[in-house]
Amino acid sequence: MTVPLLTGIHHVAIIASDYARSRHFYHQVLGLPIIAETLREARQSWKLDLALPDGSQLELFSFPAPPARPSRPEACGLRHLAFRVTDLDGVIAHLQRHGISVEEIRVDELTGRRFTFFADPDGLPLELYEAES
């Protein structure tokens, strides 16, 4: 029996242009619990560790004047960050109550699962992918 090289995703790191705005979005709007929040004074940078229910984490960073990056779902590089949800319609309604635009629901032609895209405060493409309940 061989041991897998990779056993899961530990974290995804995001650099925000406006730390307070993105902190509110990921913690308050998306409801991710805070694990730790650290001011790294030497780097003039905040680091916010947020928990996902499966044990993975989202790291939110601030840096002075970060360069812009293409953020469309079809841009070259990391395409998007997808969150697994069990009630796609309920999550969409929650986001819309917070004034967040959500694209039309699509159906994955390979799996038959429903999904949609929305964006974080910096325009980072985020996906909601409906999994089995």
Foldseek 3Di string as FASTA:
>chain_A
DDDDPDDDAAEAEDEDADQVQLCCCVCVLVPFDWPDWDQPPVQRKIWTWTADPVNHIYIYMYGPDDDDDDADQPDPDNRAAEDEDACVVVSCVSCVVVVWDKDDWDADPVPRWIKTWTAGPSRHIYMYTHDHD
